[in-house]
Amino acid sequence: MNPQNREDIKIGQEVEVVLKKDQRIGTLTRGIVAEILTNSGFHPHGIKVRLEDGQVGRVQNICI
């Protein structure tokens, strides 16, 4: 599963994202996908999602 492909991200899935404020240091935040915000099928920096707690970030890892 590739976090750069939109088709690999599903609502309700547990993922690790990097938040905008954490992009420089690379801190990952774990959460459940509530909404997929990226419209294109692929994004080189990761698909942008909104987590259930309202935070927005780009998916770096998909937790299985």
C-alpha atoms as a PDB file:
ATOM      1  CA  MET A   1       0.000   0.000   0.000  1.00  0.00           C
ATOM      2  CA  ASN A   2       1.393   3.344  -1.083  1.00  0.00           C
ATOM      3  CA  PRO A   3       0.479   6.506   0.901  1.00  0.00           C
ATOM      4  CA  GLN A   4       1.008   8.524  -2.306  1.00  0.00           C
ATOM      5  CA  ASN A   5      -1.887   6.748  -4.091  1.00  0.00           C
ATOM      6  CA  ARG A   6      -5.397   7.983  -3.301  1.00  0.00           C
ATOM      7  CA  GLU A   7      -6.935   4.567  -4.048  1.00  0.00           C
ATOM      8  CA  ASP A   8      -4.902   3.006  -1.190  1.00  0.00           C
ATOM      9  CA  ILE A   9      -6.381   5.390   1.430  1.00  0.00           C
ATOM     10  CA  LYS A  10      -9.792   4.503   2.852  1.00  0.00           C
ATOM     11  CA  ILE A  11     -12.062   6.355   5.281  1.00  0.00           C
ATOM     12  CA  GLY A  12     -11.902   4.699   8.698  1.00  0.00           C
ATOM     13  CA  GLN A  13      -8.349   3.472   8.139  1.00  0.00           C
ATOM     14  CA  GLU A  14      -5.613   4.085  10.709  1.00  0.00           C
ATOM     15  CA  VAL A  15      -2.735   6.127   9.259  1.00  0.00           C
ATOM     16  CA  GLU A  16       0.278   8.173  10.297  1.00  0.00           C
ATOM     17  CA  VAL A  17       0.342  11.715   8.911  1.00  0.00           C
ATOM     18  CA  VAL A  18       2.747  14.622   9.043  1.00  0.00           C
ATOM     19  CA  LEU A  19       0.925  17.809  10.017  1.00  0.00           C
ATOM     20  CA  LYS A  20       1.717  21.126   8.309  1.00  0.00           C
ATOM     21  CA  LYS A  21       3.338  22.473  11.481  1.00  0.00           C
ATOM     22  CA  ASP A  22       5.509  19.338  11.774  1.00  0.00           C
ATOM     23  CA  GLN A  23       6.743  19.156   8.162  1.00  0.00           C
ATOM     24  CA  ARG A  24      10.216  20.495   8.976  1.00  0.00           C
ATOM     25  CA  ILE A  25      10.864  18.101  11.865  1.00  0.00           C
ATOM     26  CA  GLY A  26       8.886  15.189  10.433  1.00  0.00           C
ATOM     27  CA  THR A  27       6.905  14.257  13.549  1.00  0.00           C
ATOM     28  CA  LEU A  28       4.185  11.743  12.712  1.00  0.00           C
ATOM     29  CA  THR A  29       0.675  11.834  14.150  1.00  0.00           C
ATOM     30  CA  ARG A  30      -1.455   8.681  14.215  1.00  0.00           C
ATOM     31  CA  GLY A  31      -5.192   8.833  13.622  1.00  0.00           C
ATOM     32  CA  ILE A  32      -8.249   7.563  11.756  1.00  0.00           C
ATOM     33  CA  VAL A  33      -9.110   8.999   8.321  1.00  0.00           C
ATOM     34  CA  ALA A  34     -12.379  10.948   8.373  1.00  0.00           C
ATOM     35  CA  GLU A  35     -12.077  12.624   4.951  1.00  0.00           C
ATOM     36  CA  ILE A  36      -9.752  12.465   1.954  1.00  0.00           C
ATOM     37  CA  LEU A  37      -8.892  15.999   0.828  1.00  0.00           C
ATOM     38  CA  THR A  38      -6.597  15.384  -2.167  1.00  0.00           C
ATOM     39  CA  ASN A  39      -8.594  15.068  -5.391  1.00  0.00           C
ATOM     40  CA  SER A  40      -5.839  13.745  -7.654  1.00  0.00           C
ATOM     41  CA  GLY A  41      -5.037  10.036  -7.765  1.00  0.00           C
ATOM     42  CA  PHE A  42      -1.376  10.550  -6.828  1.00  0.00           C
ATOM     43  CA  HIS A  43       0.592  13.090  -4.805  1.00  0.00           C
ATOM     44  CA  PRO A  44       4.385  12.832  -4.345  1.00  0.00           C
ATOM     45  CA  HIS A  45       4.290  14.128  -0.747  1.00  0.00           C
ATOM     46  CA  GLY A  46       1.374  11.939   0.358  1.00  0.00           C
ATOM     47  CA  ILE A  47      -2.397  12.177   0.134  1.00  0.00           C
ATOM     48  CA  LYS A  48      -3.856  14.957   2.298  1.00  0.00           C
ATOM     49  CA  VAL A  49      -6.517  13.771   4.765  1.00  0.00           C
ATOM     50  CA  ARG A  50      -8.542  15.065   7.701  1.00  0.00           C
ATOM     51  CA  LEU A  51      -8.382  12.840  10.764  1.00  0.00           C
ATOM     52  CA  GLU A  52     -11.368  12.152  13.026  1.00  0.00           C
ATOM     53  CA  ASP A  53      -9.991  14.646  15.573  1.00  0.00           C
ATOM     54  CA  GLY A  54     -10.005  17.399  12.901  1.00  0.00           C
ATOM     55  CA  GLN A  55      -6.260  17.580  12.235  1.00  0.00           C
ATOM     56  CA  VAL A  56      -5.134  17.774   8.590  1.00  0.00           C
ATOM     57  CA  GLY A  57      -1.949  16.245   7.245  1.00  0.00           C
ATOM     58  CA  ARG A  58      -0.337  14.188   4.507  1.00  0.00           C
ATOM     59  CA  VAL A  59      -0.311  10.403   4.891  1.00  0.00           C
ATOM     60  CA  GLN A  60       3.172   8.989   5.404  1.00  0.00           C
ATOM     61  CA  ASN A  61       2.295   5.447   6.546  1.00  0.00           C
ATOM     62  CA  ILE A  62      -0.773   3.251   6.336  1.00  0.00           C
ATOM     63  CA  CYS A  63      -1.175   1.185   9.509  1.00  0.00           C
ATOM     64  CA  ILE A  64      -2.271  -2.413   8.937  1.00  0.00           C
END
